[in-house]
């Protein structure tokens, strides 16, 4: 047994006790079992970090198991994306398997329960069976087919397996207790008839197991010791244990333990709702940077290391809660601040002309790539007499406490010169389209020899050397902190203005940005180069630490 890992929570404490008791011979094995019916999202990241992280802490292993028991909604596309997301987060499964790999064994065990009188074939439809379940404090009603003989049930089950009956004609149910206080023990369905093509087994099976029949049994087949689930499966645990207790297992059965799932403010993680956003064209796909999917966060520039650190920091608890999205962004910002190189980009360009600049002259300045990491060195940036600055960095009539450029005011251009605005050029509508200014040749490098100070330093791009780029700016995809809290439907709080794309001017170095690379646009935030479209950048997060503000308000 390994030494106890740093930190403690109720799941790790359970594993330590099992190891001390020799329950599994000191062995620890977990699994991550997503259904391949959509892309993984930030909530899945918490499960991945938990499943793989706990296995690592105890020198154990974690499998990836695709829980593919619903052929109509599953697809190879989702299978491959799940594998890619796990690899991106930095984890390697011990093995990758499918629940469908175990269909033969699951069916054999179903026949075993039928033979013991612990399962029966029911001819009723789903609505009738549901109505007969009763409710809390109200016992259910036995099916009229509950007392069929094991021989009759076995015959019907085999005919179901042979594809003799149409969809919905019959189901196989466990025979437990219709009066149980545990609702999941009221004769749950184990198999239903589905004449559907399966992405892994093809057309070999006309019947498919339910989640509860496949889950614990797949764990046992694989040798899982600790089956970690989110809290909504806590009510399923008595059934999980009942199935395993009534099967001829050769070793100690796995233990299911439940922990709180991860939810974020302004975020929806329901696959059904996310799929609706994709199918109705509200977003550009599962990997749209506004989506909470791991592929969307990756495209937006979220580092995998930041997501892992955030999930680890949330801890493993028994109580569901909703984390502020600003907290996740704080982890992202902290990570990128240390790693992202700095670049200059102007998102809403306003032309700045230096009227005393020598005609045709071009200078180059060495600018630090990342002040947090001297090893990143410097780069050369061209400077000329015509520049672009941000439109909101100039005010013809400045409001109080406005320290950026205005007529008669001097500012510093980052790493270059002090400049003073003199006058403006306007278009026919009266809008300022150009600012004229003079520069101080003695202030090269951004410092004045006479020691005078300025109150603002602004970024810029040489107009002659600028590169055109598109920049996507994002707001929350959902306006409410808890989408749907007011109406019961999360999509009612959808922000239809969650993305704005602007035509920007950027420094020449950004033309060579690596697909997926994240850089800091000075004074603006962190931006990720699109993995497919050149010179398209997605705003990852801004520079302001909104989480600090949230904590102060709290």
Protein backbone atom coordinates (compact mmCIF):
# COMPACT_ATOMS: atom_id res chain seq x y z
CA UNK A 1 0.00 0.00 0.00
CA UNK A 2 1.27 3.48 -0.81
CA UNK A 3 1.66 6.19 1.77
CA UNK A 4 -1.41 8.34 2.28
CA UNK A 5 -1.54 11.11 -0.32
CA UNK A 6 -1.43 14.76 0.66
CA UNK A 7 -4.88 16.04 1.56
CA UNK A 8 -7.96 14.15 2.64
CA UNK A 9 -11.61 13.76 1.73
CA UNK A 10 -14.30 11.20 2.40
CA UNK A 11 -13.54 9.15 -0.72
CA UNK A 12 -9.81 8.97 -0.07
CA UNK A 13 -10.58 8.11 3.56
CA UNK A 14 -12.80 5.25 2.35
CA UNK A 15 -10.01 3.95 0.12
CA UNK A 16 -7.48 4.12 2.96
CA UNK A 17 -9.79 2.10 5.20
CA UNK A 18 -10.33 -0.49 2.47
CA UNK A 19 -6.58 -0.76 1.91
CA UNK A 20 -5.93 -1.16 5.62
CA UNK A 21 -8.58 -3.91 5.76
CA UNK A 22 -7.18 -5.60 2.66
CA UNK A 23 -10.59 -5.49 0.97
CA UNK A 24 -9.11 -5.41 -2.50
CA UNK A 25 -5.61 -6.57 -1.64
CA UNK A 26 -4.41 -2.97 -1.58
CA UNK A 27 -5.44 -2.50 -5.19
CA UNK A 28 -7.21 0.71 -6.33
CA UNK A 29 -8.99 0.91 -9.65
CA UNK A 30 -11.43 3.57 -10.81
CA UNK A 31 -13.11 4.34 -14.10
CA UNK A 32 -14.51 7.33 -15.98
CA UNK A 33 -17.74 6.18 -17.71
CA UNK A 34 -19.22 8.89 -19.98
CA UNK A 35 -22.05 8.19 -22.37
CA UNK A 36 -20.92 9.04 -25.93
CA UNK A 37 -24.03 11.08 -26.73
CA UNK A 38 -22.41 14.51 -26.76
CA UNK A 39 -19.18 16.35 -26.01
CA UNK A 40 -17.66 16.45 -22.54
CA UNK A 41 -18.14 19.68 -20.57
CA UNK A 42 -16.62 21.40 -17.54
CA UNK A 43 -18.67 19.22 -15.20
CA UNK A 44 -17.08 16.14 -16.71
CA UNK A 45 -13.67 17.69 -16.08
CA UNK A 46 -14.35 17.50 -12.34
CA UNK A 47 -15.20 13.80 -12.68
CA UNK A 48 -12.12 13.14 -14.82
CA UNK A 49 -9.81 14.89 -12.36
CA UNK A 50 -11.41 12.97 -9.50
CA UNK A 51 -11.41 9.53 -11.13
CA UNK A 52 -7.90 9.74 -12.57
CA UNK A 53 -6.45 11.79 -9.72
CA UNK A 54 -7.54 9.41 -6.98
CA UNK A 55 -6.19 6.44 -8.91
CA UNK A 56 -2.86 8.23 -9.32
CA UNK A 57 -2.70 9.12 -5.62
CA UNK A 58 -2.93 5.46 -4.65
CA UNK A 59 -0.72 4.11 -7.45
CA UNK A 60 -3.82 2.63 -9.02
CA UNK A 61 -5.30 2.72 -12.50
CA UNK A 62 -8.29 4.37 -14.11
CA UNK A 63 -10.09 3.06 -17.19
CA UNK A 64 -12.08 4.98 -19.74
CA UNK A 65 -15.35 3.14 -20.28
CA UNK A 66 -17.78 4.42 -22.89
CA UNK A 67 -21.24 3.82 -21.43
CA UNK A 68 -22.82 3.04 -24.79
CA UNK A 69 -26.17 1.43 -23.98
CA UNK A 70 -28.42 3.86 -25.91
CA UNK A 71 -27.68 3.30 -29.61
CA UNK A 72 -30.07 5.95 -30.94
CA UNK A 73 -28.23 8.86 -29.32
CA UNK A 74 -24.59 7.73 -29.49
CA UNK A 75 -22.01 8.22 -32.20
CA UNK A 76 -18.38 7.50 -33.03
CA UNK A 77 -17.78 11.26 -33.27
CA UNK A 78 -18.52 11.59 -29.58
CA UNK A 79 -16.35 8.59 -28.73
CA UNK A 80 -13.33 10.10 -30.46
CA UNK A 81 -13.87 13.53 -28.96
CA UNK A 82 -14.10 12.06 -25.46
CA UNK A 83 -10.74 10.35 -25.97
CA UNK A 84 -9.21 13.59 -27.26
CA UNK A 85 -10.53 15.62 -24.34
CA UNK A 86 -9.13 13.24 -21.75
CA UNK A 87 -5.74 13.26 -23.46
CA UNK A 88 -5.82 17.07 -23.60
CA UNK A 89 -6.45 17.25 -19.86
CA UNK A 90 -3.29 15.20 -19.42
CA UNK A 91 -4.62 11.77 -18.49
CA UNK A 92 -4.02 8.35 -20.03
CA UNK A 93 -6.55 5.59 -19.32
CA UNK A 94 -5.15 2.20 -18.34
CA UNK A 95 -7.48 0.77 -20.98
CA UNK A 96 -10.30 2.13 -23.10
CA UNK A 97 -13.37 -0.09 -23.21
CA UNK A 98 -17.08 0.06 -23.97
CA UNK A 99 -20.00 -1.13 -21.90
CA UNK A 100 -21.06 -2.83 -25.12
CA UNK A 101 -17.91 -4.99 -24.89
CA UNK A 102 -19.65 -6.71 -21.99
CA UNK A 103 -23.04 -7.33 -23.59
CA UNK A 104 -22.49 -11.11 -23.71
CA UNK A 105 -21.61 -11.30 -20.01
CA UNK A 106 -24.43 -8.96 -19.01
CA UNK A 107 -26.90 -11.12 -20.89
CA UNK A 108 -25.54 -14.30 -19.31
CA UNK A 109 -25.97 -12.75 -15.86
CA UNK A 110 -29.50 -11.70 -16.78
CA UNK A 111 -30.33 -15.32 -17.54
CA UNK A 112 -28.73 -16.22 -14.20
CA UNK A 113 -31.14 -13.88 -12.34
CA UNK A 114 -34.11 -15.17 -14.31
CA UNK A 115 -33.14 -18.72 -13.35
CA UNK A 116 -33.01 -17.75 -9.68
CA UNK A 117 -36.47 -16.18 -9.89
CA UNK A 118 -34.99 -12.69 -9.45
CA UNK A 119 -35.97 -11.28 -12.85
CA UNK A 120 -39.00 -11.55 -15.07
CA UNK A 121 -40.29 -10.45 -18.49
CA UNK A 122 -43.03 -7.82 -18.34
CA UNK A 123 -45.36 -7.24 -21.32
CA UNK A 124 -46.55 -3.82 -20.12
CA UNK A 125 -45.54 -0.57 -21.78
CA UNK A 126 -43.27 2.02 -20.16
CA UNK A 127 -46.10 4.35 -19.13
CA UNK A 128 -47.97 1.59 -17.31
CA UNK A 129 -44.85 0.37 -15.53
CA UNK A 130 -44.05 3.93 -14.43
CA UNK A 131 -47.57 4.45 -13.08
CA UNK A 132 -47.36 1.21 -11.10
CA UNK A 133 -44.16 2.34 -9.33
CA UNK A 134 -46.16 4.36 -6.79
CA UNK A 135 -44.40 7.16 -4.94
CA UNK A 136 -42.62 8.01 -1.75
CA UNK A 137 -44.76 6.68 1.10
CA UNK A 138 -47.03 4.94 -1.41
CA UNK A 139 -46.15 1.35 -2.35
CA UNK A 140 -46.13 0.26 -5.96
CA UNK A 141 -48.38 -2.27 -7.65
CA UNK A 142 -47.10 -5.66 -8.75
CA UNK A 143 -47.08 -6.34 -12.45
CA UNK A 144 -49.63 -8.98 -13.56
CA UNK A 145 -46.65 -10.75 -15.20
CA UNK A 146 -44.52 -10.78 -12.04
CA UNK A 147 -45.30 -14.40 -11.16
CA UNK A 148 -44.35 -15.98 -14.44
CA UNK A 149 -42.24 -19.07 -13.93
CA UNK A 150 -38.47 -18.89 -14.46
CA UNK A 151 -38.89 -21.23 -17.43
CA UNK A 152 -41.45 -18.96 -19.10
CA UNK A 153 -39.33 -15.88 -18.41
CA UNK A 154 -36.22 -17.53 -19.79
CA UNK A 155 -38.07 -18.52 -22.96
CA UNK A 156 -39.37 -14.97 -23.46
CA UNK A 157 -35.98 -13.40 -22.71
CA UNK A 158 -34.29 -15.62 -25.27
CA UNK A 159 -36.93 -14.71 -27.83
CA UNK A 160 -36.33 -11.02 -27.03
CA UNK A 161 -32.64 -11.64 -27.59
CA UNK A 162 -33.40 -13.33 -30.91
CA UNK A 163 -35.23 -10.22 -32.13
CA UNK A 164 -38.66 -11.82 -32.25
CA UNK A 165 -40.58 -8.91 -30.70
CA UNK A 166 -40.96 -5.27 -31.82
CA UNK A 167 -39.64 -2.28 -29.94
CA UNK A 168 -41.41 -1.66 -26.65
CA UNK A 169 -43.26 -4.98 -26.66
CA UNK A 170 -41.54 -6.37 -23.55
CA UNK A 171 -38.90 -5.53 -20.97
CA UNK A 172 -36.88 -7.55 -18.50
CA UNK A 173 -37.29 -6.36 -14.91
CA UNK A 174 -35.52 -7.29 -11.71
CA UNK A 175 -37.85 -8.88 -9.16
CA UNK A 176 -37.09 -7.09 -5.92
CA UNK A 177 -39.75 -5.28 -3.84
CA UNK A 178 -42.53 -3.06 -5.15
CA UNK A 179 -43.14 -1.77 -1.62
CA UNK A 180 -39.53 -0.81 -0.92
CA UNK A 181 -38.82 2.65 0.45
CA UNK A 182 -35.98 2.73 -2.07
CA UNK A 183 -37.71 3.65 -5.33
CA UNK A 184 -34.97 2.14 -7.47
CA UNK A 185 -35.63 -1.27 -5.90
CA UNK A 186 -39.19 -1.36 -7.20
CA UNK A 187 -38.60 -3.91 -9.93
CA UNK A 188 -36.36 -1.79 -12.18
CA UNK A 189 -36.07 -2.42 -15.91
CA UNK A 190 -32.91 -4.26 -16.94
CA UNK A 191 -33.41 -4.69 -20.70
CA UNK A 192 -35.56 -3.00 -23.30
CA UNK A 193 -36.09 -3.92 -26.95
CA UNK A 194 -34.42 -1.55 -29.43
CA UNK A 195 -33.96 -2.62 -33.04
CA UNK A 196 -31.27 0.02 -33.60
CA UNK A 197 -27.81 0.01 -35.13
CA UNK A 198 -25.06 0.36 -32.55
CA UNK A 199 -21.79 2.18 -33.29
CA UNK A 200 -19.73 -0.63 -31.70
CA UNK A 201 -21.78 -3.83 -31.98
CA UNK A 202 -23.59 -3.10 -35.23
CA UNK A 203 -26.88 -4.99 -35.51
CA UNK A 204 -25.92 -7.88 -33.24
CA UNK A 205 -28.25 -6.89 -30.41
CA UNK A 206 -31.99 -6.10 -30.55
CA UNK A 207 -32.07 -5.60 -26.76
CA UNK A 208 -30.01 -3.13 -24.74
CA UNK A 209 -29.27 -2.94 -21.02
CA UNK A 210 -30.31 0.03 -18.92
CA UNK A 211 -27.70 2.15 -17.17
CA UNK A 212 -28.33 0.48 -13.81
CA UNK A 213 -27.95 -3.02 -15.20
CA UNK A 214 -24.78 -2.15 -17.12
CA UNK A 215 -23.08 0.10 -14.58
CA UNK A 216 -22.16 -1.98 -11.54
CA UNK A 217 -21.76 -5.14 -13.54
CA UNK A 218 -19.31 -3.47 -15.93
CA UNK A 219 -17.39 -2.25 -12.88
CA UNK A 220 -17.21 -5.81 -11.57
CA UNK A 221 -16.11 -7.26 -14.92
CA UNK A 222 -13.28 -4.74 -15.16
CA UNK A 223 -12.15 -5.15 -11.58
CA UNK A 224 -13.06 -1.64 -10.46
CA UNK A 225 -12.67 -1.23 -6.72
CA UNK A 226 -14.23 2.19 -6.19
CA UNK A 227 -16.96 3.37 -8.55
CA UNK A 228 -17.13 7.16 -8.20
CA UNK A 229 -20.33 8.88 -9.31
CA UNK A 230 -22.00 12.26 -8.99
CA UNK A 231 -24.59 12.76 -6.25
CA UNK A 232 -27.64 12.15 -8.42
CA UNK A 233 -26.71 8.46 -8.45
CA UNK A 234 -26.74 8.15 -4.65
CA UNK A 235 -30.35 6.92 -4.76
CA UNK A 236 -29.23 4.20 -7.22
CA UNK A 237 -26.67 2.76 -4.81
CA UNK A 238 -29.03 0.22 -3.13
CA UNK A 239 -29.80 -1.22 -6.58
CA UNK A 240 -26.10 -1.18 -7.50
CA UNK A 241 -25.39 -3.24 -4.39
CA UNK A 242 -28.40 -5.55 -4.87
CA UNK A 243 -27.39 -6.57 -8.37
CA UNK A 244 -23.81 -7.31 -7.33
CA UNK A 245 -24.92 -9.25 -4.25
CA UNK A 246 -27.01 -11.58 -6.40
CA UNK A 247 -24.40 -12.39 -9.04
CA UNK A 248 -21.70 -15.09 -8.89
CA UNK A 249 -18.73 -12.73 -8.55
CA UNK A 250 -15.28 -14.18 -7.95
CA UNK A 251 -13.96 -11.29 -5.86
CA UNK A 252 -15.14 -8.49 -3.59
CA UNK A 253 -17.74 -6.30 -5.35
CA UNK A 254 -16.87 -2.68 -6.15
CA UNK A 255 -18.14 0.13 -3.95
CA UNK A 256 -20.10 3.03 -5.36
CA UNK A 257 -19.42 6.38 -3.73
CA UNK A 258 -20.95 9.71 -4.74
CA UNK A 259 -19.55 13.23 -4.74
CA UNK A 260 -20.87 16.66 -5.68
CA UNK A 261 -20.84 17.55 -9.34
CA UNK A 262 -19.39 20.82 -10.62
CA UNK A 263 -21.79 23.56 -11.71
CA UNK A 264 -20.85 27.12 -12.70
CA UNK A 265 -22.76 30.38 -12.72
CA UNK A 266 -23.97 31.63 -16.12
CA UNK A 267 -23.45 28.09 -17.44
CA UNK A 268 -25.59 25.14 -18.52
CA UNK A 269 -24.16 21.62 -18.58
CA UNK A 270 -27.26 19.70 -19.61
CA UNK A 271 -26.31 17.76 -22.75
CA UNK A 272 -29.90 18.03 -23.95
CA UNK A 273 -29.81 21.81 -23.80
CA UNK A 274 -26.29 22.04 -25.21
CA UNK A 275 -27.31 19.81 -28.10
CA UNK A 276 -30.29 22.09 -28.75
CA UNK A 277 -27.95 25.10 -28.99
CA UNK A 278 -25.89 23.22 -31.57
CA UNK A 279 -28.78 21.83 -33.59
CA UNK A 280 -30.63 25.16 -33.75
CA UNK A 281 -27.52 27.06 -34.82
CA UNK A 282 -27.41 29.30 -31.74
CA UNK A 283 -23.72 28.40 -31.50
CA UNK A 284 -21.34 27.26 -34.22
CA UNK A 285 -20.96 23.74 -32.89
CA UNK A 286 -19.96 21.75 -29.83
CA UNK A 287 -16.57 23.48 -29.87
CA UNK A 288 -17.92 27.03 -30.06
CA UNK A 289 -15.76 29.07 -27.63
CA UNK A 290 -18.90 30.15 -25.76
CA UNK A 291 -19.78 26.56 -24.92
CA UNK A 292 -18.78 24.95 -21.60
CA UNK A 293 -17.55 21.88 -23.48
CA UNK A 294 -13.90 20.98 -23.06
CA UNK A 295 -13.40 21.39 -26.81
CA UNK A 296 -15.01 24.84 -26.62
CA UNK A 297 -12.84 25.88 -23.68
CA UNK A 298 -9.77 24.53 -25.49
CA UNK A 299 -10.60 26.55 -28.61
CA UNK A 300 -11.13 29.61 -26.44
CA UNK A 301 -7.65 29.21 -25.00
CA UNK A 302 -8.28 27.76 -21.54
CA UNK A 303 -5.15 25.85 -20.48
CA UNK A 304 -5.75 22.26 -19.42
CA UNK A 305 -3.54 22.87 -16.39
CA UNK A 306 -5.82 25.70 -15.21
CA UNK A 307 -8.93 23.52 -15.51
CA UNK A 308 -7.25 20.72 -13.56
CA UNK A 309 -6.10 23.12 -10.84
CA UNK A 310 -9.59 24.62 -10.55
CA UNK A 311 -11.24 21.20 -10.29
CA UNK A 312 -8.75 20.11 -7.64
CA UNK A 313 -9.32 23.32 -5.68
CA UNK A 314 -13.10 22.78 -5.57
CA UNK A 315 -12.45 19.64 -3.53
CA UNK A 316 -14.54 16.50 -3.15
CA UNK A 317 -17.66 17.13 -1.10
CA UNK A 318 -21.10 15.62 -0.55
CA UNK A 319 -23.02 18.86 -1.15
CA UNK A 320 -23.87 20.24 -4.57
CA UNK A 321 -23.03 23.89 -5.09
CA UNK A 322 -22.56 26.34 -7.93
CA UNK A 323 -19.14 27.89 -8.33
CA UNK A 324 -18.69 31.41 -9.68
CA UNK A 325 -17.42 31.30 -13.25
CA UNK A 326 -15.12 34.18 -12.28
CA UNK A 327 -13.24 31.76 -10.03
CA UNK A 328 -12.47 29.47 -12.95
CA UNK A 329 -11.41 32.49 -15.00
CA UNK A 330 -9.07 33.51 -12.19
CA UNK A 331 -7.27 30.17 -12.48
CA UNK A 332 -7.05 30.64 -16.26
CA UNK A 333 -5.72 34.18 -15.92
CA UNK A 334 -3.11 33.14 -13.35
CA UNK A 335 -1.86 30.36 -15.61
CA UNK A 336 -1.72 32.52 -18.74
CA UNK A 337 -0.05 35.42 -16.97
CA UNK A 338 2.97 33.22 -16.41
CA UNK A 339 3.07 31.63 -19.86
CA UNK A 340 1.49 33.90 -22.48
CA UNK A 341 3.72 36.17 -24.52
CA UNK A 342 2.70 39.80 -24.86
CA UNK A 343 1.68 41.35 -28.16
CA UNK A 344 0.08 44.62 -29.24
CA UNK A 345 -3.27 44.69 -30.99
CA UNK A 346 -5.77 47.47 -31.58
CA UNK A 347 -9.36 46.24 -31.62
CA UNK A 348 -11.13 49.49 -32.58
CA UNK A 349 -8.50 51.34 -34.59
CA UNK A 350 -8.15 55.11 -34.63
CA UNK A 351 -5.37 56.59 -36.79
CA UNK A 352 -2.71 58.59 -34.97
CA UNK A 353 -0.41 60.74 -37.16
CA UNK A 354 2.82 62.18 -35.76
CA UNK A 355 3.14 65.45 -37.67
CA UNK A 356 6.80 66.03 -36.75
CA UNK A 357 7.94 62.52 -37.63
CA UNK A 358 10.57 62.39 -40.38
CA UNK A 359 8.87 61.32 -43.59
CA UNK A 360 9.43 57.66 -44.46
CA UNK A 361 11.40 56.92 -41.30
CA UNK A 362 10.87 53.55 -39.59
CA UNK A 363 12.39 52.64 -36.25
CA UNK A 364 12.37 49.38 -34.35
CA UNK A 365 12.02 48.89 -30.64
CA UNK A 366 12.89 45.86 -28.58
CA UNK A 367 9.88 44.93 -26.46
CA UNK A 368 9.83 42.33 -23.70
CA UNK A 369 7.81 39.23 -24.62
CA UNK A 370 6.79 38.33 -21.09
CA UNK A 371 7.86 40.28 -18.00
CA UNK A 372 6.95 37.21 -15.90
CA UNK A 373 9.49 35.06 -17.72
CA UNK A 374 12.81 36.67 -18.76
CA UNK A 375 13.71 33.54 -20.73
CA UNK A 376 11.06 34.50 -23.29
CA UNK A 377 13.37 37.33 -24.37
CA UNK A 378 12.42 40.30 -26.51
CA UNK A 379 11.05 40.98 -29.98
CA UNK A 380 11.51 43.80 -32.46
CA UNK A 381 8.45 45.96 -33.18
CA UNK A 382 8.33 48.49 -36.04
CA UNK A 383 7.37 52.11 -35.31
CA UNK A 384 6.47 54.78 -37.88
CA UNK A 385 4.85 58.18 -38.15
CA UNK A 386 1.36 56.74 -38.67
CA UNK A 387 -0.03 54.47 -35.99
CA UNK A 388 -3.26 52.91 -34.80
CA UNK A 389 -4.46 53.40 -31.25
CA UNK A 390 -7.67 52.28 -29.54
CA UNK A 391 -10.55 54.63 -30.29
CA UNK A 392 -11.47 54.83 -26.62
CA UNK A 393 -7.92 55.88 -25.75
CA UNK A 394 -8.73 59.33 -27.15
CA UNK A 395 -11.32 61.85 -26.01
CA UNK A 396 -11.71 65.23 -27.71
CA UNK A 397 -13.49 66.46 -24.58
CA UNK A 398 -12.11 64.27 -21.80
CA UNK A 399 -14.34 63.37 -18.85
CA UNK A 400 -13.05 63.74 -15.28
CA UNK A 401 -10.14 61.40 -14.42
CA UNK A 402 -9.52 60.58 -18.07
CA UNK A 403 -5.72 60.33 -18.32
CA UNK A 404 -5.34 58.99 -21.84
CA UNK A 405 -4.87 61.03 -25.00
CA UNK A 406 -6.74 64.31 -25.49
CA UNK A 407 -5.84 67.66 -27.09
CA UNK A 408 -2.84 69.12 -25.30
CA UNK A 409 -2.22 66.05 -23.17
CA UNK A 410 0.97 63.99 -23.31
CA UNK A 411 1.02 60.20 -22.97
CA UNK A 412 3.56 57.43 -23.39
CA UNK A 413 3.35 55.00 -26.29
CA UNK A 414 4.42 51.65 -24.95
CA UNK A 415 8.20 51.23 -25.29
CA UNK A 416 8.45 54.05 -27.84
CA UNK A 417 7.95 57.80 -27.32
CA UNK A 418 5.99 60.47 -25.47
CA UNK A 419 3.38 62.03 -27.75
CA UNK A 420 1.09 65.04 -27.36
CA UNK A 421 -2.21 65.37 -29.23
CA UNK A 422 -2.62 68.62 -31.15
CA UNK A 423 -5.77 68.43 -33.26
CA UNK A 424 -8.19 66.01 -34.96
CA UNK A 425 -9.66 65.19 -38.36
CA UNK A 426 -13.37 64.41 -38.58
CA UNK A 427 -15.58 62.83 -41.21
CA UNK A 428 -18.78 64.27 -42.63
CA UNK A 429 -20.77 63.04 -39.63
CA UNK A 430 -18.48 64.75 -37.17
CA UNK A 431 -16.80 61.59 -35.91
CA UNK A 432 -13.08 61.76 -35.17
CA UNK A 433 -11.22 59.61 -37.73
CA UNK A 434 -7.68 60.82 -37.12
CA UNK A 435 -5.72 62.35 -34.28
CA UNK A 436 -2.69 64.48 -35.04
CA UNK A 437 0.12 64.62 -32.50
CA UNK A 438 3.77 65.46 -32.02
CA UNK A 439 6.37 63.22 -30.50
CA UNK A 440 9.35 64.03 -28.30
CA UNK A 441 12.48 62.61 -30.00
CA UNK A 442 14.32 62.74 -26.65
CA UNK A 443 11.89 60.29 -25.05
CA UNK A 444 12.90 57.27 -27.13
CA UNK A 445 12.24 54.06 -25.23
CA UNK A 446 9.37 55.66 -23.32
CA UNK A 447 11.28 57.79 -20.81
CA UNK A 448 11.95 61.52 -20.78
CA UNK A 449 15.48 62.76 -20.02
CA UNK A 450 14.12 65.64 -17.93
CA UNK A 451 12.26 63.20 -15.72
CA UNK A 452 8.75 64.46 -16.43
CA UNK A 453 5.95 62.00 -15.78
CA UNK A 454 2.85 61.07 -17.73
CA UNK A 455 -0.26 59.44 -16.34
CA UNK A 456 -0.97 56.97 -19.11
CA UNK A 457 0.85 54.40 -21.21
CA UNK A 458 -0.98 53.23 -24.34
CA UNK A 459 -0.42 50.40 -26.78
CA UNK A 460 -0.20 51.01 -30.50
CA UNK A 461 0.46 49.37 -33.87
CA UNK A 462 2.38 50.89 -36.77
CA UNK A 463 -0.13 51.50 -39.58
CA UNK A 464 2.42 50.60 -42.25
CA UNK A 465 3.28 47.30 -40.61
CA UNK A 466 -0.11 46.35 -39.15
CA UNK A 467 -1.78 43.07 -40.02
CA UNK A 468 -5.55 42.76 -40.37
CA UNK A 469 -7.17 40.29 -37.98
CA UNK A 470 -10.61 39.31 -36.74
CA UNK A 471 -11.13 39.23 -33.00
CA UNK A 472 -14.10 37.57 -31.32
CA UNK A 473 -15.16 39.17 -28.05
CA UNK A 474 -17.37 37.11 -25.76
CA UNK A 475 -19.92 37.84 -23.08
CA UNK A 476 -21.69 35.25 -20.92
CA UNK A 477 -23.73 32.77 -22.97
CA UNK A 478 -26.45 33.01 -20.32
CA UNK A 479 -27.42 36.29 -18.67
CA UNK A 480 -28.65 34.84 -15.36
CA UNK A 481 -26.26 33.50 -12.73
CA UNK A 482 -28.50 30.44 -12.47
CA UNK A 483 -30.00 29.95 -15.94
CA UNK A 484 -33.67 29.06 -15.75
CA UNK A 485 -34.09 30.02 -12.09
CA UNK A 486 -36.90 32.43 -12.91
CA UNK A 487 -38.82 30.46 -15.54
CA UNK A 488 -37.71 26.86 -15.13
CA UNK A 489 -36.14 26.79 -18.59
CA UNK A 490 -32.46 27.66 -18.82
CA UNK A 491 -32.64 28.61 -22.50
CA UNK A 492 -34.97 31.49 -21.59
CA UNK A 493 -31.88 33.24 -20.22
CA UNK A 494 -29.81 32.81 -23.37
CA UNK A 495 -27.74 35.88 -24.25
CA UNK A 496 -28.27 36.43 -27.96
CA UNK A 497 -25.53 39.09 -27.96
CA UNK A 498 -22.85 36.88 -26.44
CA UNK A 499 -20.36 37.36 -29.29
CA UNK A 500 -19.06 40.38 -31.15
CA UNK A 501 -16.47 40.10 -33.91
CA UNK A 502 -14.35 43.18 -34.65
CA UNK A 503 -11.85 44.01 -37.39
CA UNK A 504 -8.57 44.67 -35.62
CA UNK A 505 -5.08 45.84 -36.48
CA UNK A 506 -2.35 43.72 -34.89
CA UNK A 507 1.42 43.74 -34.83
CA UNK A 508 3.21 41.69 -37.48
CA UNK A 509 4.37 39.00 -35.04
CA UNK A 510 0.79 37.82 -34.66
CA UNK A 511 0.68 36.77 -38.31
CA UNK A 512 2.85 33.84 -37.27
CA UNK A 513 0.79 32.83 -34.24
CA UNK A 514 0.64 29.06 -33.82
CA UNK A 515 -2.90 27.59 -34.06
CA UNK A 516 -4.24 27.43 -30.53
CA UNK A 517 -1.51 29.68 -29.12
CA UNK A 518 -2.65 32.10 -26.41
CA UNK A 519 -1.08 35.55 -26.15
CA UNK A 520 -1.80 38.61 -24.08
CA UNK A 521 -2.96 41.59 -26.07
CA UNK A 522 -1.44 44.34 -23.96
CA UNK A 523 -4.02 46.15 -21.82
CA UNK A 524 -6.85 44.09 -23.36
CA UNK A 525 -6.69 40.51 -22.14
CA UNK A 526 -5.70 37.04 -23.28
CA UNK A 527 -6.55 35.86 -26.78
CA UNK A 528 -6.26 32.47 -28.48
CA UNK A 529 -5.39 31.96 -32.13
CA UNK A 530 -8.11 29.89 -33.75
CA UNK A 531 -6.91 26.35 -34.49
CA UNK A 532 -8.28 26.44 -38.04
CA UNK A 533 -8.80 30.00 -39.28
CA UNK A 534 -5.64 32.14 -39.58
CA UNK A 535 -5.70 35.56 -37.93
CA UNK A 536 -8.88 34.87 -36.00
CA UNK A 537 -8.42 35.36 -32.28
CA UNK A 538 -10.83 34.47 -29.46
CA UNK A 539 -10.79 36.43 -26.23
CA UNK A 540 -10.03 33.89 -23.52
CA UNK A 541 -10.36 36.15 -20.46
CA UNK A 542 -9.81 39.80 -19.70
CA UNK A 543 -7.03 41.17 -17.55
CA UNK A 544 -9.23 42.26 -14.66
CA UNK A 545 -9.53 39.71 -11.88
CA UNK A 546 -13.30 39.66 -11.49
CA UNK A 547 -13.08 36.85 -8.94
CA UNK A 548 -11.29 39.17 -6.52
CA UNK A 549 -14.20 41.60 -6.88
CA UNK A 550 -16.72 38.80 -6.29
CA UNK A 551 -14.90 37.79 -3.10
CA UNK A 552 -14.94 41.39 -1.84
CA UNK A 553 -18.70 41.61 -2.46
CA UNK A 554 -19.14 38.35 -0.56
